Amino acid sequence: MSVLTYIFGGILILCSAFLILLVTVQNPKGRGLSGAIGGDMGNMTEGRARGNDALYAKLTKYFGIAFAVLVVLVSVFGLLK
């Protein structure tokens, strides 16, 4: 394994831990499983997230993209010998 595999692997672990933290800090916006099955339209009438929720949602999106890119990089550098 190359040094880049270890570097990107470490960054991937940090990114995944921060992504888990971001998801658990956010307020739930849905109605749960019953709303998903029953077709609850309550989410359609609610306004946009404000304040910290908007920041958490934006950070979750960016860290999700970074997580996907890092997974690809780790697997590519892991295959190279």
N, C-alpha and C. Protein backbone atom coordinates (compact mmCIF):
# COMPACT_ATOMS: atom_id res chain seq x y z
N MET A 1 0.83 -1.18 0.00
CA MET A 1 0.00 0.00 0.00
C MET A 1 0.87 1.25 0.00
N SER A 2 0.35 2.24 -0.67
CA SER A 2 1.12 3.47 -0.75
C SER A 2 0.81 4.39 0.43
N VAL A 3 1.62 5.39 0.55
CA VAL A 3 1.44 6.37 1.61
C VAL A 3 0.14 7.15 1.41
N LEU A 4 -0.21 7.40 0.15
CA LEU A 4 -1.44 8.13 -0.14
C LEU A 4 -2.68 7.36 0.33
N THR A 5 -2.62 6.04 0.29
CA THR A 5 -3.74 5.24 0.78
C THR A 5 -3.95 5.47 2.26
N TYR A 6 -2.88 5.52 3.02
CA TYR A 6 -2.99 5.76 4.46
C TYR A 6 -3.46 7.19 4.76
N ILE A 7 -2.95 8.15 3.99
CA ILE A 7 -3.35 9.55 4.21
C ILE A 7 -4.83 9.73 3.91
N PHE A 8 -5.27 9.27 2.73
CA PHE A 8 -6.67 9.40 2.37
C PHE A 8 -7.56 8.54 3.27
N GLY A 9 -7.05 7.42 3.73
CA GLY A 9 -7.82 6.59 4.67
C GLY A 9 -8.04 7.29 6.00
N GLY A 10 -7.03 7.97 6.49
CA GLY A 10 -7.18 8.73 7.73
C GLY A 10 -8.16 9.89 7.58
N ILE A 11 -8.05 10.58 6.45
CA ILE A 11 -8.99 11.68 6.19
C ILE A 11 -10.40 11.13 6.04
N LEU A 12 -10.54 9.95 5.45
CA LEU A 12 -11.86 9.32 5.29
C LEU A 12 -12.48 8.98 6.64
N ILE A 13 -11.67 8.50 7.57
CA ILE A 13 -12.18 8.19 8.91
C ILE A 13 -12.64 9.46 9.61
N LEU A 14 -11.86 10.53 9.52
CA LEU A 14 -12.26 11.80 10.13
C LEU A 14 -13.53 12.37 9.49
N CYS A 15 -13.61 12.27 8.16
CA CYS A 15 -14.77 12.77 7.45
C CYS A 15 -16.02 11.98 7.82
N SER A 16 -15.90 10.66 7.94
CA SER A 16 -17.06 9.85 8.29
C SER A 16 -17.51 10.11 9.73
N ALA A 17 -16.56 10.32 10.64
CA ALA A 17 -16.93 10.62 12.03
C ALA A 17 -17.64 11.97 12.11
N PHE A 18 -17.16 12.96 11.37
CA PHE A 18 -17.80 14.27 11.38
C PHE A 18 -19.16 14.23 10.70
N LEU A 19 -19.30 13.38 9.66
CA LEU A 19 -20.58 13.23 8.99
C LEU A 19 -21.61 12.59 9.91
N ILE A 20 -21.20 11.60 10.68
CA ILE A 20 -22.09 10.97 11.67
C ILE A 20 -22.52 12.01 12.71
N LEU A 21 -21.58 12.82 13.17
CA LEU A 21 -21.90 13.86 14.15
C LEU A 21 -22.90 14.87 13.58
N LEU A 22 -22.70 15.28 12.34
CA LEU A 22 -23.60 16.24 11.72
C LEU A 22 -25.01 15.68 11.58
N VAL A 23 -25.13 14.43 11.20
CA VAL A 23 -26.45 13.83 11.01
C VAL A 23 -27.18 13.69 12.34
N THR A 24 -26.46 13.33 13.38
CA THR A 24 -27.12 13.14 14.67
C THR A 24 -27.51 14.46 15.34
N VAL A 25 -26.83 15.56 15.01
CA VAL A 25 -27.13 16.85 15.61
C VAL A 25 -28.38 17.49 14.99
N GLN A 26 -28.70 17.15 13.75
CA GLN A 26 -29.81 17.79 13.06
C GLN A 26 -31.16 17.40 13.66
N ASN A 27 -32.10 18.34 13.57
CA ASN A 27 -33.46 18.07 14.01
C ASN A 27 -34.18 17.25 12.95
N PRO A 28 -34.98 16.26 13.37
CA PRO A 28 -35.71 15.48 12.38
C PRO A 28 -36.80 16.33 11.72
N LYS A 29 -36.87 16.24 10.41
CA LYS A 29 -37.83 17.05 9.67
C LYS A 29 -39.01 16.23 9.17
N GLY A 30 -38.89 14.91 9.20
CA GLY A 30 -39.93 14.07 8.65
C GLY A 30 -40.92 13.61 9.70
N ARG A 31 -41.91 12.89 9.24
CA ARG A 31 -42.94 12.34 10.10
C ARG A 31 -42.64 10.89 10.47
N GLY A 32 -41.50 10.38 10.08
CA GLY A 32 -41.14 9.01 10.41
C GLY A 32 -41.62 8.04 9.34
N LEU A 33 -41.62 6.77 9.68
CA LEU A 33 -41.97 5.73 8.74
C LEU A 33 -43.44 5.78 8.36
N SER A 34 -44.30 6.12 9.30
CA SER A 34 -45.73 6.17 8.99
C SER A 34 -46.05 7.27 7.98
N GLY A 35 -45.35 8.37 8.04
CA GLY A 35 -45.55 9.44 7.07
C GLY A 35 -45.04 9.07 5.70
N ALA A 36 -43.97 8.29 5.65
CA ALA A 36 -43.42 7.86 4.37
C ALA A 36 -44.33 6.85 3.69
N ILE A 37 -44.90 5.95 4.46
CA ILE A 37 -45.77 4.93 3.89
C ILE A 37 -47.13 5.52 3.54
N GLY A 38 -47.66 6.34 4.41
CA GLY A 38 -48.98 6.91 4.21
C GLY A 38 -49.02 8.08 3.25
N GLY A 39 -47.88 8.54 2.80
CA GLY A 39 -47.84 9.66 1.87
C GLY A 39 -48.17 11.00 2.52
N ASP A 40 -47.64 11.23 3.69
CA ASP A 40 -47.92 12.47 4.42
C ASP A 40 -47.36 13.65 3.64
N MET A 41 -48.17 14.67 3.47
CA MET A 41 -47.75 15.85 2.73
C MET A 41 -47.31 16.98 3.67
N GLY A 42 -47.08 16.68 4.93
CA GLY A 42 -46.71 17.70 5.90
C GLY A 42 -45.40 18.39 5.57
N ASN A 43 -44.49 17.68 4.94
CA ASN A 43 -43.19 18.27 4.61
C ASN A 43 -43.28 19.28 3.47
N MET A 44 -44.31 19.16 2.66
CA MET A 44 -44.44 20.05 1.51
C MET A 44 -44.85 21.46 1.94
N THR A 45 -45.52 21.59 3.06
CA THR A 45 -46.01 22.90 3.48
C THR A 45 -45.06 23.62 4.42
N GLU A 46 -44.05 22.93 4.91
CA GLU A 46 -43.13 23.56 5.85
C GLU A 46 -42.15 24.46 5.11
N GLY A 47 -41.66 25.47 5.81
CA GLY A 47 -40.71 26.41 5.22
C GLY A 47 -39.30 25.84 5.18
N ARG A 48 -38.42 26.63 4.67
CA ARG A 48 -37.03 26.20 4.58
C ARG A 48 -36.37 26.24 5.95
N ALA A 49 -35.33 25.45 6.09
CA ALA A 49 -34.59 25.42 7.35
C ALA A 49 -33.84 26.74 7.53
N ARG A 50 -33.77 27.21 8.75
CA ARG A 50 -33.10 28.47 9.05
C ARG A 50 -32.07 28.27 10.15
N GLY A 51 -31.13 29.17 10.19
CA GLY A 51 -30.16 29.17 11.27
C GLY A 51 -29.22 27.99 11.22
N ASN A 52 -29.11 27.33 12.37
CA ASN A 52 -28.18 26.21 12.49
C ASN A 52 -28.59 25.03 11.62
N ASP A 53 -29.89 24.81 11.46
CA ASP A 53 -30.34 23.69 10.64
C ASP A 53 -29.89 23.84 9.20
N ALA A 54 -29.94 25.05 8.67
CA ALA A 54 -29.49 25.29 7.30
C ALA A 54 -27.98 25.07 7.20
N LEU A 55 -27.26 25.51 8.19
CA LEU A 55 -25.81 25.29 8.19
C LEU A 55 -25.48 23.81 8.28
N TYR A 56 -26.17 23.08 9.16
CA TYR A 56 -25.93 21.64 9.28
C TYR A 56 -26.28 20.91 8.00
N ALA A 57 -27.36 21.31 7.36
CA ALA A 57 -27.76 20.66 6.11
C ALA A 57 -26.72 20.90 5.02
N LYS A 58 -26.20 22.12 4.96
CA LYS A 58 -25.18 22.44 3.95
C LYS A 58 -23.89 21.68 4.23
N LEU A 59 -23.47 21.65 5.49
CA LEU A 59 -22.25 20.92 5.85
C LEU A 59 -22.41 19.42 5.60
N THR A 60 -23.60 18.88 5.87
CA THR A 60 -23.84 17.46 5.62
C THR A 60 -23.71 17.15 4.14
N LYS A 61 -24.22 18.03 3.30
CA LYS A 61 -24.11 17.83 1.86
C LYS A 61 -22.65 17.83 1.42
N TYR A 62 -21.88 18.80 1.90
CA TYR A 62 -20.48 18.90 1.49
C TYR A 62 -19.64 17.72 2.02
N PHE A 63 -19.89 17.32 3.26
CA PHE A 63 -19.13 16.20 3.80
C PHE A 63 -19.56 14.88 3.17
N GLY A 64 -20.81 14.78 2.72
CA GLY A 64 -21.25 13.59 2.00
C GLY A 64 -20.55 13.46 0.66
N ILE A 65 -20.41 14.58 -0.04
CA ILE A 65 -19.68 14.58 -1.31
C ILE A 65 -18.20 14.26 -1.08
N ALA A 66 -17.61 14.86 -0.05
CA ALA A 66 -16.21 14.58 0.27
C ALA A 66 -16.02 13.11 0.64
N PHE A 67 -16.98 12.54 1.36
CA PHE A 67 -16.91 11.13 1.74
C PHE A 67 -16.91 10.25 0.50
N ALA A 68 -17.78 10.53 -0.46
CA ALA A 68 -17.85 9.73 -1.68
C ALA A 68 -16.56 9.84 -2.49
N VAL A 69 -16.02 11.04 -2.59
CA VAL A 69 -14.76 11.24 -3.34
C VAL A 69 -13.61 10.51 -2.64
N LEU A 70 -13.56 10.59 -1.31
CA LEU A 70 -12.48 9.93 -0.58
C LEU A 70 -12.57 8.40 -0.68
N VAL A 71 -13.78 7.87 -0.71
CA VAL A 71 -13.93 6.41 -0.87
C VAL A 71 -13.36 5.98 -2.22
N VAL A 72 -13.64 6.74 -3.26
CA VAL A 72 -13.11 6.41 -4.59
C VAL A 72 -11.58 6.54 -4.59
N LEU A 73 -11.05 7.60 -3.99
CA LEU A 73 -9.60 7.78 -3.96
C LEU A 73 -8.90 6.68 -3.19
N VAL A 74 -9.44 6.30 -2.05
CA VAL A 74 -8.82 5.24 -1.26
C VAL A 74 -8.84 3.93 -2.03
N SER A 75 -9.93 3.63 -2.72
CA SER A 75 -9.98 2.38 -3.45
C SER A 75 -9.06 2.40 -4.67
N VAL A 76 -8.94 3.55 -5.34
CA VAL A 76 -8.03 3.64 -6.49
C VAL A 76 -6.58 3.50 -6.04
N PHE A 77 -6.20 4.23 -4.99
CA PHE A 77 -4.82 4.13 -4.52
C PHE A 77 -4.55 2.80 -3.83
N GLY A 78 -5.57 2.14 -3.34
CA GLY A 78 -5.40 0.82 -2.75
C GLY A 78 -5.13 -0.24 -3.80
N LEU A 79 -5.66 -0.03 -5.01
CA LEU A 79 -5.43 -0.98 -6.10
C LEU A 79 -4.07 -0.80 -6.74
N LEU A 80 -3.56 0.42 -6.72
CA LEU A 80 -2.24 0.68 -7.30
C LEU A 80 -1.14 0.12 -6.40
N LYS A 81 -0.20 -0.53 -6.99
CA LYS A 81 0.89 -1.11 -6.20
C LYS A 81 2.23 -0.69 -6.74
